[in-house]
Each structure stands twice: as C-alpha cells, then as structure tokens.
N, C-alpha and C. Protein backbone atom coordinates (compact mmCIF):
# COMPACT_ATOMS: atom_id res chain seq x y z
N MET A 1 -4.36 -15.77 30.35
CA MET A 1 -3.33 -15.34 31.27
C MET A 1 -3.95 -14.98 32.61
N SER A 2 -3.16 -15.04 33.62
CA SER A 2 -3.62 -14.90 34.99
C SER A 2 -3.69 -13.43 35.44
N ASN A 3 -4.50 -13.20 36.48
CA ASN A 3 -4.59 -11.86 37.09
C ASN A 3 -3.54 -11.66 38.16
N VAL A 4 -2.72 -12.68 38.44
CA VAL A 4 -1.66 -12.59 39.44
C VAL A 4 -0.63 -11.58 38.98
N THR A 5 -0.23 -10.70 39.90
CA THR A 5 0.81 -9.74 39.55
C THR A 5 2.18 -10.26 39.97
N ASN A 6 3.17 -9.92 39.18
CA ASN A 6 4.56 -10.27 39.46
C ASN A 6 5.39 -9.01 39.45
N HIS A 7 6.54 -9.08 40.07
CA HIS A 7 7.53 -8.02 40.01
C HIS A 7 8.51 -8.41 38.91
N TYR A 8 8.60 -7.62 37.86
CA TYR A 8 9.44 -7.94 36.72
C TYR A 8 10.79 -7.22 36.81
N TYR A 9 11.82 -7.97 36.47
CA TYR A 9 13.20 -7.47 36.50
C TYR A 9 13.90 -7.81 35.20
N TYR A 10 14.79 -6.93 34.79
CA TYR A 10 15.67 -7.18 33.64
C TYR A 10 17.07 -7.37 34.20
N PHE A 11 17.71 -8.47 33.82
CA PHE A 11 19.07 -8.78 34.25
C PHE A 11 19.98 -8.82 33.04
N ALA A 12 21.18 -8.26 33.14
CA ALA A 12 22.19 -8.35 32.08
C ALA A 12 23.47 -8.88 32.71
N PHE A 13 24.15 -9.75 31.97
CA PHE A 13 25.36 -10.40 32.46
C PHE A 13 26.48 -10.30 31.43
N LYS A 14 27.70 -10.32 31.91
CA LYS A 14 28.90 -10.39 31.06
C LYS A 14 29.69 -11.61 31.50
N ASP A 15 30.18 -12.36 30.53
CA ASP A 15 31.05 -13.49 30.86
C ASP A 15 32.01 -13.74 29.71
N SER A 16 32.89 -14.68 29.92
CA SER A 16 33.84 -15.08 28.88
C SER A 16 33.79 -16.60 28.76
N ALA A 17 32.62 -17.13 28.44
CA ALA A 17 32.39 -18.58 28.37
C ALA A 17 33.29 -19.26 27.35
N GLU A 18 33.70 -18.54 26.32
CA GLU A 18 34.54 -19.13 25.26
C GLU A 18 36.03 -18.95 25.53
N GLY A 19 36.39 -18.35 26.64
CA GLY A 19 37.79 -18.12 26.96
C GLY A 19 38.03 -16.68 27.33
N PRO A 20 39.20 -16.38 27.89
CA PRO A 20 39.47 -15.03 28.40
C PRO A 20 39.48 -13.93 27.35
N SER A 21 39.68 -14.27 26.08
CA SER A 21 39.75 -13.23 25.05
C SER A 21 38.38 -12.91 24.43
N THR A 22 37.34 -13.61 24.86
CA THR A 22 36.01 -13.40 24.29
C THR A 22 35.05 -12.93 25.37
N GLU A 23 34.49 -11.74 25.20
CA GLU A 23 33.49 -11.23 26.14
C GLU A 23 32.11 -11.41 25.51
N ARG A 24 31.17 -11.87 26.31
CA ARG A 24 29.82 -12.14 25.82
C ARG A 24 28.81 -11.45 26.74
N ASN A 25 27.77 -10.87 26.15
CA ASN A 25 26.68 -10.25 26.91
C ASN A 25 25.43 -11.09 26.75
N THR A 26 24.75 -11.35 27.86
CA THR A 26 23.48 -12.08 27.84
C THR A 26 22.49 -11.34 28.74
N ALA A 27 21.21 -11.63 28.56
CA ALA A 27 20.19 -10.94 29.36
C ALA A 27 18.95 -11.81 29.52
N ALA A 28 18.17 -11.51 30.55
CA ALA A 28 16.91 -12.20 30.80
C ALA A 28 15.96 -11.24 31.50
N THR A 29 14.68 -11.39 31.21
CA THR A 29 13.63 -10.66 31.90
C THR A 29 12.77 -11.68 32.61
N LEU A 30 12.60 -11.52 33.92
CA LEU A 30 11.88 -12.50 34.72
C LEU A 30 10.89 -11.82 35.64
N GLY A 31 9.78 -12.50 35.89
CA GLY A 31 8.80 -12.04 36.85
C GLY A 31 8.80 -12.94 38.07
N MET A 32 8.63 -12.34 39.24
CA MET A 32 8.58 -13.13 40.47
C MET A 32 7.56 -12.55 41.42
N LEU A 33 7.07 -13.40 42.30
CA LEU A 33 6.01 -12.97 43.21
C LEU A 33 6.49 -11.97 44.26
N GLU A 34 7.69 -12.16 44.78
CA GLU A 34 8.21 -11.27 45.81
C GLU A 34 9.15 -10.23 45.19
N GLN A 35 9.21 -9.08 45.81
CA GLN A 35 10.07 -8.00 45.31
C GLN A 35 11.44 -8.07 46.00
N LYS A 36 12.04 -9.25 45.94
CA LYS A 36 13.35 -9.46 46.53
C LYS A 36 14.22 -10.15 45.49
N VAL A 37 15.41 -9.62 45.27
CA VAL A 37 16.35 -10.23 44.35
C VAL A 37 17.44 -10.87 45.20
N THR A 38 17.32 -12.18 45.39
CA THR A 38 18.29 -12.92 46.20
C THR A 38 19.39 -13.49 45.31
N ARG A 39 20.47 -13.94 45.92
CA ARG A 39 21.56 -14.57 45.16
C ARG A 39 21.05 -15.80 44.41
N GLN A 40 20.13 -16.54 45.03
CA GLN A 40 19.56 -17.72 44.37
C GLN A 40 18.80 -17.31 43.11
N PHE A 41 18.06 -16.21 43.18
CA PHE A 41 17.32 -15.76 42.01
C PHE A 41 18.26 -15.24 40.93
N ILE A 42 19.36 -14.61 41.32
CA ILE A 42 20.35 -14.14 40.34
C ILE A 42 20.96 -15.34 39.61
N GLN A 43 21.25 -16.41 40.34
CA GLN A 43 21.77 -17.63 39.70
C GLN A 43 20.74 -18.19 38.72
N HIS A 44 19.47 -18.16 39.09
CA HIS A 44 18.40 -18.61 38.19
C HIS A 44 18.36 -17.73 36.93
N ALA A 45 18.48 -16.43 37.11
CA ALA A 45 18.47 -15.51 35.98
C ALA A 45 19.66 -15.78 35.05
N LYS A 46 20.82 -16.11 35.62
CA LYS A 46 21.99 -16.46 34.80
C LYS A 46 21.68 -17.67 33.92
N LYS A 47 21.05 -18.69 34.51
CA LYS A 47 20.70 -19.89 33.75
C LYS A 47 19.74 -19.55 32.62
N VAL A 48 18.71 -18.76 32.92
CA VAL A 48 17.72 -18.37 31.91
C VAL A 48 18.40 -17.57 30.78
N ALA A 49 19.34 -16.72 31.15
CA ALA A 49 20.04 -15.89 30.16
C ALA A 49 21.07 -16.68 29.36
N GLY A 50 21.43 -17.86 29.85
CA GLY A 50 22.47 -18.64 29.19
C GLY A 50 23.87 -18.18 29.53
N ALA A 51 23.99 -17.50 30.65
CA ALA A 51 25.30 -16.99 31.10
C ALA A 51 26.03 -18.07 31.88
N ALA A 52 27.34 -17.96 31.94
CA ALA A 52 28.15 -18.86 32.75
C ALA A 52 27.83 -18.62 34.23
N PRO A 53 27.97 -19.66 35.07
CA PRO A 53 27.66 -19.50 36.51
C PRO A 53 28.46 -18.39 37.19
N ASP A 54 29.67 -18.11 36.70
CA ASP A 54 30.49 -17.06 37.32
C ASP A 54 30.40 -15.72 36.57
N ALA A 55 29.37 -15.55 35.76
CA ALA A 55 29.20 -14.30 34.99
C ALA A 55 29.02 -13.12 35.94
N PHE A 56 29.45 -11.96 35.47
CA PHE A 56 29.31 -10.70 36.20
C PHE A 56 27.95 -10.08 35.86
N MET A 57 27.17 -9.72 36.88
CA MET A 57 25.88 -9.06 36.64
C MET A 57 26.14 -7.58 36.42
N SER A 58 25.93 -7.10 35.21
CA SER A 58 26.18 -5.71 34.88
C SER A 58 24.96 -4.82 35.08
N CYS A 59 23.77 -5.45 35.21
CA CYS A 59 22.55 -4.65 35.34
C CYS A 59 21.44 -5.48 35.97
N CYS A 60 20.71 -4.87 36.88
CA CYS A 60 19.48 -5.43 37.42
C CYS A 60 18.51 -4.26 37.53
N THR A 61 17.51 -4.26 36.66
CA THR A 61 16.58 -3.14 36.59
C THR A 61 15.17 -3.60 36.94
N TYR A 62 14.54 -2.90 37.86
CA TYR A 62 13.16 -3.20 38.22
C TYR A 62 12.23 -2.58 37.19
N LEU A 63 11.37 -3.41 36.60
CA LEU A 63 10.46 -2.94 35.55
C LEU A 63 9.07 -2.61 36.08
N GLY A 64 8.74 -3.09 37.28
CA GLY A 64 7.46 -2.77 37.88
C GLY A 64 6.63 -3.99 38.22
N GLU A 65 5.53 -3.75 38.91
CA GLU A 65 4.59 -4.81 39.27
C GLU A 65 3.45 -4.79 38.27
N MET A 66 3.18 -5.94 37.67
CA MET A 66 2.13 -6.03 36.65
C MET A 66 1.73 -7.48 36.44
N THR A 67 0.63 -7.68 35.75
CA THR A 67 0.21 -9.02 35.38
C THR A 67 1.02 -9.47 34.16
N SER A 68 0.97 -10.75 33.90
CA SER A 68 1.65 -11.28 32.72
C SER A 68 1.07 -10.66 31.45
N ALA A 69 -0.24 -10.46 31.42
CA ALA A 69 -0.90 -9.86 30.25
C ALA A 69 -0.37 -8.44 30.02
N GLU A 70 -0.22 -7.66 31.10
CA GLU A 70 0.32 -6.31 30.96
C GLU A 70 1.75 -6.34 30.44
N PHE A 71 2.56 -7.26 30.98
CA PHE A 71 3.96 -7.34 30.56
C PHE A 71 4.08 -7.70 29.09
N HIS A 72 3.25 -8.63 28.64
CA HIS A 72 3.36 -9.14 27.26
C HIS A 72 2.48 -8.38 26.27
N GLU A 73 1.77 -7.35 26.71
CA GLU A 73 0.86 -6.60 25.84
C GLU A 73 1.58 -6.10 24.59
N GLY A 74 0.99 -6.38 23.44
CA GLY A 74 1.54 -5.93 22.17
C GLY A 74 2.42 -6.96 21.49
N PHE A 75 2.72 -8.07 22.17
CA PHE A 75 3.54 -9.14 21.60
C PHE A 75 2.70 -10.40 21.47
N GLU A 76 2.96 -11.16 20.45
CA GLU A 76 2.21 -12.42 20.27
C GLU A 76 3.08 -13.60 20.59
C-alpha cells in the first residue's frame, strides 16, 4: 500500500429505487486527494453506494487524513 494520504469521507444516502413506498439506505466510504466534497464527487459516491442518481444525501462525515494502510488497518 502507498504512503500517499487521502481525505476519507463516509456518505449515506436514502432513495426509493423500488418505488415510492420503499425507502432504501445505502452508504460508501471513499478517499480522495483533496479535502473538497464537490457535487461531482457526491454523484460518484452515489454510484459507489449503489444509490439512485436522485438519492438524498443524509450524511457526509469527514473521517480524517490518512494513508490507505491506516484506513484499512485491522481488516484483511
């Protein structure tokens, strides 16, 4: 794993991909080089989470700046 540090974020989304009577929650954790959360990056996070393009973002949490090894420490 690399020594490059990323800014890690947790995103949570709500949508009704199966129709108006079904609410679904999805989430993704992503690392990026810049500490900016743009609309383009939110759309990317929706895709990674498997959320519908018009999903509502219910949470965006900054997890910190760290290397990939630090982020994944303790998991195989």
